[in-house]
Amino acid sequence: MESLAALYKNHIVTLQERTRDVLARFQMDALLIHSGELVNVFLDDHPYPFKVNPQFKAWVPVTQVPNCWLLVDGVNKPKLWFYLPVDYWHNVERCRPLSGPKR
């Protein structure tokens, strides 16, 4: 059975191929995909539960962090901007890499 990291790598290769095809068809350079944002409840300091953008989730296994961005061009390694503010009140999920040294 393949490891999770190997399956994820194959998944990204497939998404890169599809992205290349779509970008060529529509004569675009890249896609910029947002993870989504928190929506505040009127007159309250608690937001509604966060729901990640499914197009973002297809690329990145992060489901609880708003305001992340992913730049994909179908050729180069996708670039992720991970939202991690220094904030006393709000906790942001921390992720560990799929491969490499474990912390």
PDB file of N, CA and C in Angstrom:
ATOM      1  N   MET A   1       0.834  -1.179   0.000  1.00  0.00           N
ATOM      2  CA  MET A   1       0.000   0.000   0.000  1.00  0.00           C
ATOM      3  C   MET A   1       0.884   1.250   0.000  1.00  0.00           C
ATOM      4  N   GLU A   2       0.516   2.217  -0.833  1.00  0.00           N
ATOM      5  CA  GLU A   2       1.299   3.442  -0.933  1.00  0.00           C
ATOM      6  C   GLU A   2       1.144   4.297   0.325  1.00  0.00           C
ATOM      7  N   SER A   3       2.193   5.037   0.618  1.00  0.00           N
ATOM      8  CA  SER A   3       2.138   5.931   1.775  1.00  0.00           C
ATOM      9  C   SER A   3       1.253   7.135   1.454  1.00  0.00           C
ATOM     10  N   LEU A   4       0.816   7.804   2.489  1.00  0.00           N
ATOM     11  CA  LEU A   4      -0.009   8.994   2.313  1.00  0.00           C
ATOM     12  C   LEU A   4       0.747  10.057   1.516  1.00  0.00           C
ATOM     13  N   ALA A   5       2.028  10.219   1.793  1.00  0.00           N
ATOM     14  CA  ALA A   5       2.833  11.212   1.076  1.00  0.00           C
ATOM     15  C   ALA A   5       2.915  10.888  -0.415  1.00  0.00           C
ATOM     16  N   ALA A   6       3.060   9.608  -0.763  1.00  0.00           N
ATOM     17  CA  ALA A   6       3.125   9.209  -2.175  1.00  0.00           C
ATOM     18  C   ALA A   6       1.787   9.437  -2.870  1.00  0.00           C
ATOM     19  N   LEU A   7       0.700   9.101  -2.199  1.00  0.00           N
ATOM     20  CA  LEU A   7      -0.631   9.333  -2.774  1.00  0.00           C
ATOM     21  C   LEU A   7      -0.881  10.826  -2.981  1.00  0.00           C
ATOM     22  N   TYR A   8      -0.477  11.630  -2.015  1.00  0.00           N
ATOM     23  CA  TYR A   8      -0.665  13.077  -2.122  1.00  0.00           C
ATOM     24  C   TYR A   8       0.150  13.641  -3.281  1.00  0.00           C
ATOM     25  N   LYS A   9       1.375  13.158  -3.441  1.00  0.00           N
ATOM     26  CA  LYS A   9       2.224  13.614  -4.550  1.00  0.00           C
ATOM     27  C   LYS A   9       1.566  13.289  -5.887  1.00  0.00           C
ATOM     28  N   ASN A  10       1.030  12.086  -6.043  1.00  0.00           N
ATOM     29  CA  ASN A  10       0.338  11.709  -7.282  1.00  0.00           C
ATOM     30  C   ASN A  10      -0.900  12.574  -7.507  1.00  0.00           C
ATOM     31  N   HIS A  11      -1.606  12.884  -6.439  1.00  0.00           N
ATOM     32  CA  HIS A  11      -2.788  13.744  -6.515  1.00  0.00           C
ATOM     33  C   HIS A  11      -2.406  15.132  -7.039  1.00  0.00           C
ATOM     34  N   ILE A  12      -1.318  15.688  -6.524  1.00  0.00           N
ATOM     35  CA  ILE A  12      -0.861  17.011  -6.958  1.00  0.00           C
ATOM     36  C   ILE A  12      -0.423  16.978  -8.418  1.00  0.00           C
ATOM     37  N   VAL A  13       0.237  15.914  -8.842  1.00  0.00           N
ATOM     38  CA  VAL A  13       0.631  15.777 -10.251  1.00  0.00           C
ATOM     39  C   VAL A  13      -0.604  15.820 -11.150  1.00  0.00           C
ATOM     40  N   THR A  14      -1.649  15.107 -10.770  1.00  0.00           N
ATOM     41  CA  THR A  14      -2.897  15.108 -11.545  1.00  0.00           C
ATOM     42  C   THR A  14      -3.515  16.503 -11.577  1.00  0.00           C
ATOM     43  N   LEU A  15      -3.568  17.173 -10.436  1.00  0.00           N
ATOM     44  CA  LEU A  15      -4.124  18.529 -10.399  1.00  0.00           C
ATOM     45  C   LEU A  15      -3.292  19.495 -11.238  1.00  0.00           C
ATOM     46  N   GLN A  16      -1.981  19.337 -11.227  1.00  0.00           N
ATOM     47  CA  GLN A  16      -1.109  20.187 -12.050  1.00  0.00           C
ATOM     48  C   GLN A  16      -1.418  19.992 -13.538  1.00  0.00           C
ATOM     49  N   GLU A  17      -1.595  18.741 -13.958  1.00  0.00           N
ATOM     50  CA  GLU A  17      -1.921  18.466 -15.367  1.00  0.00           C
ATOM     51  C   GLU A  17      -3.240  19.124 -15.758  1.00  0.00           C
ATOM     52  N   ARG A  18      -4.251  18.979 -14.917  1.00  0.00           N
ATOM     53  CA  ARG A  18      -5.556  19.585 -15.195  1.00  0.00           C
ATOM     54  C   ARG A  18      -5.456  21.106 -15.237  1.00  0.00           C
ATOM     55  N   THR A  19      -4.675  21.661 -14.330  1.00  0.00           N
ATOM     56  CA  THR A  19      -4.502  23.113 -14.290  1.00  0.00           C
ATOM     57  C   THR A  19      -3.818  23.611 -15.553  1.00  0.00           C
ATOM     58  N   ARG A  20      -2.783  22.913 -15.995  1.00  0.00           N
ATOM     59  CA  ARG A  20      -2.095  23.282 -17.236  1.00  0.00           C
ATOM     60  C   ARG A  20      -3.069  23.330 -18.403  1.00  0.00           C
ATOM     61  N   ASP A  21      -3.917  22.301 -18.511  1.00  0.00           N
ATOM     62  CA  ASP A  21      -4.893  22.235 -19.601  1.00  0.00           C
ATOM     63  C   ASP A  21      -5.880  23.399 -19.546  1.00  0.00           C
ATOM     64  N   VAL A  22      -6.415  23.670 -18.374  1.00  0.00           N
ATOM     65  CA  VAL A  22      -7.404  24.748 -18.226  1.00  0.00           C
ATOM     66  C   VAL A  22      -6.767  26.108 -18.497  1.00  0.00           C
ATOM     67  N   LEU A  23      -5.580  26.344 -17.963  1.00  0.00           N
ATOM     68  CA  LEU A  23      -4.915  27.627 -18.179  1.00  0.00           C
ATOM     69  C   LEU A  23      -4.607  27.841 -19.656  1.00  0.00           C
ATOM     70  N   ALA A  24      -4.180  26.802 -20.353  1.00  0.00           N
ATOM     71  CA  ALA A  24      -3.911  26.917 -21.791  1.00  0.00           C
ATOM     72  C   ALA A  24      -5.201  27.200 -22.559  1.00  0.00           C
ATOM     73  N   ARG A  25      -6.268  26.512 -22.202  1.00  0.00           N
ATOM     74  CA  ARG A  25      -7.549  26.686 -22.897  1.00  0.00           C
ATOM     75  C   ARG A  25      -8.071  28.115 -22.767  1.00  0.00           C
ATOM     76  N   PHE A  26      -7.911  28.706 -21.597  1.00  0.00           N
ATOM     77  CA  PHE A  26      -8.437  30.051 -21.361  1.00  0.00           C
ATOM     78  C   PHE A  26      -7.359  31.136 -21.443  1.00  0.00           C
ATOM     79  N   GLN A  27      -6.169  30.765 -21.899  1.00  0.00           N
ATOM     80  CA  GLN A  27      -5.047  31.688 -22.082  1.00  0.00           C
ATOM     81  C   GLN A  27      -4.776  32.505 -20.811  1.00  0.00           C
ATOM     82  N   MET A  28      -4.624  31.796 -19.726  1.00  0.00           N
ATOM     83  CA  MET A  28      -4.322  32.414 -18.433  1.00  0.00           C
ATOM     84  C   MET A  28      -2.942  31.961 -17.973  1.00  0.00           C
ATOM     85  N   ASP A  29      -2.342  32.743 -17.086  1.00  0.00           N
ATOM     86  CA  ASP A  29      -1.006  32.419 -16.582  1.00  0.00           C
ATOM     87  C   ASP A  29      -1.027  31.542 -15.336  1.00  0.00           C
ATOM     88  N   ALA A  30      -1.996  31.768 -14.462  1.00  0.00           N
ATOM     89  CA  ALA A  30      -2.008  31.057 -13.181  1.00  0.00           C
ATOM     90  C   ALA A  30      -3.373  31.186 -12.524  1.00  0.00           C
ATOM     91  N   LEU A  31      -3.550  30.398 -11.470  1.00  0.00           N
ATOM     92  CA  LEU A  31      -4.733  30.486 -10.619  1.00  0.00           C
ATOM     93  C   LEU A  31      -4.286  30.934  -9.234  1.00  0.00           C
ATOM     94  N   LEU A  32      -5.055  31.817  -8.634  1.00  0.00           N
ATOM     95  CA  LEU A  32      -4.826  32.227  -7.258  1.00  0.00           C
ATOM     96  C   LEU A  32      -6.064  31.802  -6.482  1.00  0.00           C
ATOM     97  N   ILE A  33      -5.893  30.840  -5.575  1.00  0.00           N
ATOM     98  CA  ILE A  33      -7.025  30.220  -4.881  1.00  0.00           C
ATOM     99  C   ILE A  33      -6.994  30.615  -3.407  1.00  0.00           C
ATOM    100  N   HIS A  34      -8.094  31.135  -2.926  1.00  0.00           N
ATOM    101  CA  HIS A  34      -8.228  31.587  -1.535  1.00  0.00           C
ATOM    102  C   HIS A  34      -8.874  30.482  -0.705  1.00  0.00           C
ATOM    103  N   SER A  35      -8.443  30.320   0.535  1.00  0.00           N
ATOM    104  CA  SER A  35      -9.021  29.278   1.390  1.00  0.00           C
ATOM    105  C   SER A  35     -10.395  29.666   1.920  1.00  0.00           C
ATOM    106  N   GLY A  36     -10.708  30.945   1.877  1.00  0.00           N
ATOM    107  CA  GLY A  36     -11.967  31.444   2.414  1.00  0.00           C
ATOM    108  C   GLY A  36     -11.689  32.363   3.589  1.00  0.00           C
ATOM    109  N   GLU A  37     -12.744  32.975   4.103  1.00  0.00           N
ATOM    110  CA  GLU A  37     -12.560  33.880   5.225  1.00  0.00           C
ATOM    111  C   GLU A  37     -13.659  33.691   6.251  1.00  0.00           C
ATOM    112  N   LEU A  38     -13.381  34.140   7.450  1.00  0.00           N
ATOM    113  CA  LEU A  38     -14.377  34.075   8.517  1.00  0.00           C
ATOM    114  C   LEU A  38     -15.458  35.124   8.275  1.00  0.00           C
ATOM    115  N   VAL A  39     -16.683  34.770   8.586  1.00  0.00           N
ATOM    116  CA  VAL A  39     -17.809  35.695   8.489  1.00  0.00           C
ATOM    117  C   VAL A  39     -18.290  35.964   9.909  1.00  0.00           C
ATOM    118  N   ASN A  40     -18.245  37.213  10.290  1.00  0.00           N
ATOM    119  CA  ASN A  40     -18.648  37.569  11.651  1.00  0.00           C
ATOM    120  C   ASN A  40     -20.163  37.613  11.797  1.00  0.00           C
ATOM    121  N   VAL A  41     -20.616  37.225  12.963  1.00  0.00           N
ATOM    122  CA  VAL A  41     -22.030  37.304  13.312  1.00  0.00           C
ATOM    123  C   VAL A  41     -22.327  38.761  13.664  1.00  0.00           C
ATOM    124  N   PHE A  42     -23.433  39.272  13.180  1.00  0.00           N
ATOM    125  CA  PHE A  42     -23.820  40.654  13.448  1.00  0.00           C
ATOM    126  C   PHE A  42     -23.884  40.917  14.955  1.00  0.00           C
ATOM    127  N   LEU A  43     -23.214  41.968  15.375  1.00  0.00           N
ATOM    128  CA  LEU A  43     -23.169  42.413  16.777  1.00  0.00           C
ATOM    129  C   LEU A  43     -22.636  41.347  17.740  1.00  0.00           C
ATOM    130  N   ASP A  44     -21.716  40.541  17.265  1.00  0.00           N
ATOM    131  CA  ASP A  44     -21.124  39.494  18.098  1.00  0.00           C
ATOM    132  C   ASP A  44     -19.632  39.447  17.795  1.00  0.00           C
ATOM    133  N   ASP A  45     -18.848  38.961  18.734  1.00  0.00           N
ATOM    134  CA  ASP A  45     -17.412  38.848  18.486  1.00  0.00           C
ATOM    135  C   ASP A  45     -17.001  37.432  18.091  1.00  0.00           C
ATOM    136  N   HIS A  46     -17.969  36.561  17.855  1.00  0.00           N
ATOM    137  CA  HIS A  46     -17.683  35.201  17.406  1.00  0.00           C
ATOM    138  C   HIS A  46     -18.138  35.036  15.963  1.00  0.00           C
ATOM    139  N   PRO A  47     -17.270  34.508  15.101  1.00  0.00           N
ATOM    140  CA  PRO A  47     -17.682  34.297  13.711  1.00  0.00           C
ATOM    141  C   PRO A  47     -18.485  33.007  13.566  1.00  0.00           C
ATOM    142  N   TYR A  48     -19.131  32.890  12.417  1.00  0.00           N
ATOM    143  CA  TYR A  48     -19.767  31.623  12.070  1.00  0.00           C
ATOM    144  C   TYR A  48     -18.674  30.571  11.901  1.00  0.00           C
ATOM    145  N   PRO A  49     -18.995  29.280  12.010  1.00  0.00           N
ATOM    146  CA  PRO A  49     -17.978  28.239  11.786  1.00  0.00           C
ATOM    147  C   PRO A  49     -17.365  28.382  10.385  1.00  0.00           C
ATOM    148  N   PHE A  50     -16.060  28.237  10.315  1.00  0.00           N
ATOM    149  CA  PHE A  50     -15.350  28.388   9.045  1.00  0.00           C
ATOM    150  C   PHE A  50     -15.582  27.185   8.144  1.00  0.00           C
ATOM    151  N   LYS A  51     -15.849  27.454   6.883  1.00  0.00           N
ATOM    152  CA  LYS A  51     -15.964  26.416   5.853  1.00  0.00           C
ATOM    153  C   LYS A  51     -14.934  26.733   4.783  1.00  0.00           C
ATOM    154  N   VAL A  52     -13.981  25.839   4.591  1.00  0.00           N
ATOM    155  CA  VAL A  52     -12.911  26.064   3.629  1.00  0.00           C
ATOM    156  C   VAL A  52     -13.453  26.000   2.197  1.00  0.00           C
ATOM    157  N   ASN A  53     -12.838  26.779   1.312  1.00  0.00           N
ATOM    158  CA  ASN A  53     -13.150  26.747  -0.111  1.00  0.00           C
ATOM    159  C   ASN A  53     -12.784  25.355  -0.644  1.00  0.00           C
ATOM    160  N   PRO A  54     -13.721  24.625  -1.259  1.00  0.00           N
ATOM    161  CA  PRO A  54     -13.408  23.267  -1.717  1.00  0.00           C
ATOM    162  C   PRO A  54     -12.321  23.221  -2.788  1.00  0.00           C
ATOM    163  N   GLN A  55     -12.176  24.291  -3.588  1.00  0.00           N
ATOM    164  CA  GLN A  55     -11.099  24.308  -4.586  1.00  0.00           C
ATOM    165  C   GLN A  55      -9.736  24.402  -3.900  1.00  0.00           C
ATOM    166  N   PHE A  56      -9.673  25.104  -2.790  1.00  0.00           N
ATOM    167  CA  PHE A  56      -8.432  25.185  -2.011  1.00  0.00           C
ATOM    168  C   PHE A  56      -8.144  23.844  -1.343  1.00  0.00           C
ATOM    169  N   LYS A  57      -9.182  23.260  -0.766  1.00  0.00           N
ATOM    170  CA  LYS A  57      -9.029  21.985  -0.049  1.00  0.00           C
ATOM    171  C   LYS A  57      -8.597  20.855  -0.981  1.00  0.00           C
ATOM    172  N   ALA A  58      -8.941  20.947  -2.257  1.00  0.00           N
ATOM    173  CA  ALA A  58      -8.507  19.925  -3.217  1.00  0.00           C
ATOM    174  C   ALA A  58      -6.987  19.900  -3.348  1.00  0.00           C
ATOM    175  N   TRP A  59      -6.353  21.039  -3.147  1.00  0.00           N
ATOM    176  CA  TRP A  59      -4.902  21.131  -3.268  1.00  0.00           C
ATOM    177  C   TRP A  59      -4.182  20.965  -1.934  1.00  0.00           C
ATOM    178  N   VAL A  60      -4.755  21.532  -0.887  1.00  0.00           N
ATOM    179  CA  VAL A  60      -4.057  21.638   0.397  1.00  0.00           C
ATOM    180  C   VAL A  60      -4.900  20.992   1.495  1.00  0.00           C
ATOM    181  N   PRO A  61      -4.330  20.060   2.260  1.00  0.00           N
ATOM    182  CA  PRO A  61      -5.107  19.407   3.321  1.00  0.00           C
ATOM    183  C   PRO A  61      -5.222  20.271   4.580  1.00  0.00           C
ATOM    184  N   VAL A  62      -5.700  21.492   4.393  1.00  0.00           N
ATOM    185  CA  VAL A  62      -5.889  22.433   5.499  1.00  0.00           C
ATOM    186  C   VAL A  62      -7.347  22.858   5.463  1.00  0.00           C
ATOM    187  N   THR A  63      -8.070  22.599   6.539  1.00  0.00           N
ATOM    188  CA  THR A  63      -9.508  22.873   6.525  1.00  0.00           C
ATOM    189  C   THR A  63      -9.962  23.876   7.577  1.00  0.00           C
ATOM    190  N   GLN A  64      -9.069  24.300   8.457  1.00  0.00           N
ATOM    191  CA  GLN A  64      -9.489  25.158   9.562  1.00  0.00           C
ATOM    192  C   GLN A  64      -8.790  26.514   9.590  1.00  0.00           C
ATOM    193  N   VAL A  65      -8.112  26.892   8.507  1.00  0.00           N
ATOM    194  CA  VAL A  65      -7.366  28.149   8.508  1.00  0.00           C
ATOM    195  C   VAL A  65      -7.874  29.067   7.401  1.00  0.00           C
ATOM    196  N   PRO A  66      -8.529  30.163   7.770  1.00  0.00           N
ATOM    197  CA  PRO A  66      -8.974  31.118   6.761  1.00  0.00           C
ATOM    198  C   PRO A  66      -7.812  31.977   6.262  1.00  0.00           C
ATOM    199  N   ASN A  67      -8.062  32.671   5.168  1.00  0.00           N
ATOM    200  CA  ASN A  67      -7.147  33.686   4.623  1.00  0.00           C
ATOM    201  C   ASN A  67      -5.810  33.152   4.135  1.00  0.00           C
ATOM    202  N   CYS A  68      -5.751  31.890   3.743  1.00  0.00           N
ATOM    203  CA  CYS A  68      -4.565  31.356   3.087  1.00  0.00           C
ATOM    204  C   CYS A  68      -4.747  31.529   1.579  1.00  0.00           C
ATOM    205  N   TRP A  69      -3.649  31.554   0.855  1.00  0.00           N
ATOM    206  CA  TRP A  69      -3.690  31.694  -0.601  1.00  0.00           C
ATOM    207  C   TRP A  69      -2.780  30.648  -1.229  1.00  0.00           C
ATOM    208  N   LEU A  70      -3.167  30.174  -2.409  1.00  0.00           N
ATOM    209  CA  LEU A  70      -2.367  29.209  -3.154  1.00  0.00           C
ATOM    210  C   LEU A  70      -2.249  29.695  -4.590  1.00  0.00           C
ATOM    211  N   LEU A  71      -1.015  29.815  -5.085  1.00  0.00           N
ATOM    212  CA  LEU A  71      -0.751  30.215  -6.464  1.00  0.00           C
ATOM    213  C   LEU A  71      -0.329  28.980  -7.245  1.00  0.00           C
ATOM    214  N   VAL A  72      -1.073  28.679  -8.317  1.00  0.00           N
ATOM    215  CA  VAL A  72      -0.828  27.477  -9.115  1.00  0.00           C
ATOM    216  C   VAL A  72      -0.720  27.872 -10.581  1.00  0.00           C
ATOM    217  N   ASP A  73       0.354  27.414 -11.256  1.00  0.00           N
ATOM    218  CA  ASP A  73       0.476  27.695 -12.687  1.00  0.00           C
ATOM    219  C   ASP A  73       0.542  26.433 -13.540  1.00  0.00           C
ATOM    220  N   GLY A  74       0.448  25.262 -12.908  1.00  0.00           N
ATOM    221  CA  GLY A  74       0.451  24.007 -13.646  1.00  0.00           C
ATOM    222  C   GLY A  74       1.828  23.502 -14.025  1.00  0.00           C
ATOM    223  N   VAL A  75       2.864  24.307 -13.805  1.00  0.00           N
ATOM    224  CA  VAL A  75       4.229  23.929 -14.175  1.00  0.00           C
ATOM    225  C   VAL A  75       5.130  23.898 -12.941  1.00  0.00           C
ATOM    226  N   ASN A  76       5.188  25.013 -12.254  1.00  0.00           N
ATOM    227  CA  ASN A  76       6.046  25.136 -11.077  1.00  0.00           C
ATOM    228  C   ASN A  76       5.355  24.594  -9.831  1.00  0.00           C
ATOM    229  N   LYS A  77       6.153  24.370  -8.810  1.00  0.00           N
ATOM    230  CA  LYS A  77       5.609  23.925  -7.528  1.00  0.00           C
ATOM    231  C   LYS A  77       4.630  24.985  -7.021  1.00  0.00           C
ATOM    232  N   PRO A  78       3.414  24.592  -6.642  1.00  0.00           N
ATOM    233  CA  PRO A  78       2.457  25.575  -6.126  1.00  0.00           C
ATOM    234  C   PRO A  78       3.033  26.317  -4.915  1.00  0.00           C
ATOM    235  N   LYS A  79       2.674  27.596  -4.815  1.00  0.00           N
ATOM    236  CA  LYS A  79       3.177  28.427  -3.722  1.00  0.00           C
ATOM    237  C   LYS A  79       2.033  28.719  -2.764  1.00  0.00           C
ATOM    238  N   LEU A  80       2.253  28.419  -1.477  1.00  0.00           N
ATOM    239  CA  LEU A  80       1.237  28.592  -0.446  1.00  0.00           C
ATOM    240  C   LEU A  80       1.613  29.743   0.477  1.00  0.00           C
ATOM    241  N   TRP A  81       0.661  30.656   0.672  1.00  0.00           N
ATOM    242  CA  TRP A  81       0.790  31.686   1.696  1.00  0.00           C
ATOM    243  C   TRP A  81      -0.114  31.247   2.830  1.00  0.00           C
ATOM    244  N   PHE A  82       0.498  30.846   3.935  1.00  0.00           N
ATOM    245  CA  PHE A  82      -0.237  30.306   5.076  1.00  0.00           C
ATOM    246  C   PHE A  82      -0.471  31.421   6.086  1.00  0.00           C
ATOM    247  N   TYR A  83      -1.717  31.663   6.409  1.00  0.00           N
ATOM    248  CA  TYR A  83      -2.091  32.739   7.323  1.00  0.00           C
ATOM    249  C   TYR A  83      -1.815  32.304   8.760  1.00  0.00           C
ATOM    250  N   LEU A  84      -0.889  32.988   9.394  1.00  0.00           N
ATOM    251  CA  LEU A  84      -0.525  32.658  10.767  1.00  0.00           C
ATOM    252  C   LEU A  84      -0.247  33.954  11.535  1.00  0.00           C
ATOM    253  N   PRO A  85      -1.308  34.665  11.899  1.00  0.00           N
ATOM    254  CA  PRO A  85      -1.105  35.943  12.583  1.00  0.00           C
ATOM    255  C   PRO A  85      -0.638  35.744  14.021  1.00  0.00           C
ATOM    256  N   VAL A  86       0.072  36.726  14.516  1.00  0.00           N
ATOM    257  CA  VAL A  86       0.420  36.746  15.934  1.00  0.00           C
ATOM    258  C   VAL A  86      -0.742  37.463  16.613  1.00  0.00           C
ATOM    259  N   ASP A  87      -1.553  36.698  17.315  1.00  0.00           N
ATOM    260  CA  ASP A  87      -2.796  37.241  17.850  1.00  0.00           C
ATOM    261  C   ASP A  87      -3.093  36.584  19.194  1.00  0.00           C
ATOM    262  N   TYR A  88      -3.354  37.384  20.177  1.00  0.00           N
ATOM    263  CA  TYR A  88      -3.640  36.875  21.512  1.00  0.00           C
ATOM    264  C   TYR A  88      -4.987  36.165  21.578  1.00  0.00           C
ATOM    265  N   TRP A  89      -5.988  36.663  20.863  1.00  0.00           N
ATOM    266  CA  TRP A  89      -7.359  36.178  21.004  1.00  0.00           C
ATOM    267  C   TRP A  89      -7.706  34.999  20.115  1.00  0.00           C
ATOM    268  N   HIS A  90      -7.088  34.924  18.947  1.00  0.00           N
ATOM    269  CA  HIS A  90      -7.505  33.915  17.971  1.00  0.00           C
ATOM    270  C   HIS A  90      -6.418  32.873  17.763  1.00  0.00           C
ATOM    271  N   ASN A  91      -6.797  31.625  17.882  1.00  0.00           N
ATOM    272  CA  ASN A  91      -5.877  30.518  17.680  1.00  0.00           C
ATOM    273  C   ASN A  91      -5.969  30.059  16.227  1.00  0.00           C
ATOM    274  N   VAL A  92      -4.834  29.880  15.582  1.00  0.00           N
ATOM    275  CA  VAL A  92      -4.797  29.412  14.201  1.00  0.00           C
ATOM    276  C   VAL A  92      -4.156  28.037  14.183  1.00  0.00           C
ATOM    277  N   GLU A  93      -4.778  27.102  13.443  1.00  0.00           N
ATOM    278  CA  GLU A  93      -4.270  25.735  13.337  1.00  0.00           C
ATOM    279  C   GLU A  93      -2.841  25.747  12.811  1.00  0.00           C
ATOM    280  N   ARG A  94      -1.986  24.970  13.430  1.00  0.00           N
ATOM    281  CA  ARG A  94      -0.616  24.812  12.935  1.00  0.00           C
ATOM    282  C   ARG A  94      -0.525  23.456  12.255  1.00  0.00           C
ATOM    283  N   CYS A  95       0.173  23.426  11.136  1.00  0.00           N
ATOM    284  CA  CYS A  95       0.276  22.196  10.347  1.00  0.00           C
ATOM    285  C   CYS A  95       1.719  21.740  10.319  1.00  0.00           C
ATOM    286  N   ARG A  96       1.899  20.457  10.216  1.00  0.00           N
ATOM    287  CA  ARG A  96       3.250  19.932  10.036  1.00  0.00           C
ATOM    288  C   ARG A  96       3.355  19.403   8.611  1.00  0.00           C
ATOM    289  N   PRO A  97       4.552  19.413   8.040  1.00  0.00           N
ATOM    290  CA  PRO A  97       4.725  18.943   6.666  1.00  0.00           C
ATOM    291  C   PRO A  97       4.398  17.458   6.527  1.00  0.00           C
ATOM    292  N   LEU A  98       3.986  17.055   5.314  1.00  0.00           N
ATOM    293  CA  LEU A  98       3.715  15.645   5.053  1.00  0.00           C
ATOM    294  C   LEU A  98       4.997  14.829   5.041  1.00  0.00           C
ATOM    295  N   SER A  99       6.105  15.457   4.669  1.00  0.00           N
ATOM    296  CA  SER A  99       7.378  14.746   4.652  1.00  0.00           C
ATOM    297  C   SER A  99       8.430  15.640   5.290  1.00  0.00           C
ATOM    298  N   GLY A 100       9.579  15.071   5.543  1.00  0.00           N
ATOM    299  CA  GLY A 100      10.640  15.837   6.163  1.00  0.00           C
ATOM    300  C   GLY A 100      10.692  15.559   7.654  1.00  0.00           C
ATOM    301  N   PRO A 101      11.524  16.312   8.351  1.00  0.00           N
ATOM    302  CA  PRO A 101      11.690  16.057   9.784  1.00  0.00           C
ATOM    303  C   PRO A 101      10.421  16.370  10.563  1.00  0.00           C
ATOM    304  N   LYS A 102      10.130  15.526  11.527  1.00  0.00           N
ATOM    305  CA  LYS A 102       8.973  15.750  12.389  1.00  0.00           C
ATOM    306  C   LYS A 102       9.413  16.578  13.574  1.00  0.00           C
ATOM    307  N   ARG A 103       8.565  17.517  13.961  1.00  0.00           N
ATOM    308  CA  ARG A 103       8.922  18.429  15.057  1.00  0.00           C
ATOM    309  C   ARG A 103       8.225  18.050  16.315  1.00  0.00           C
TER     310      ARG A 103
END
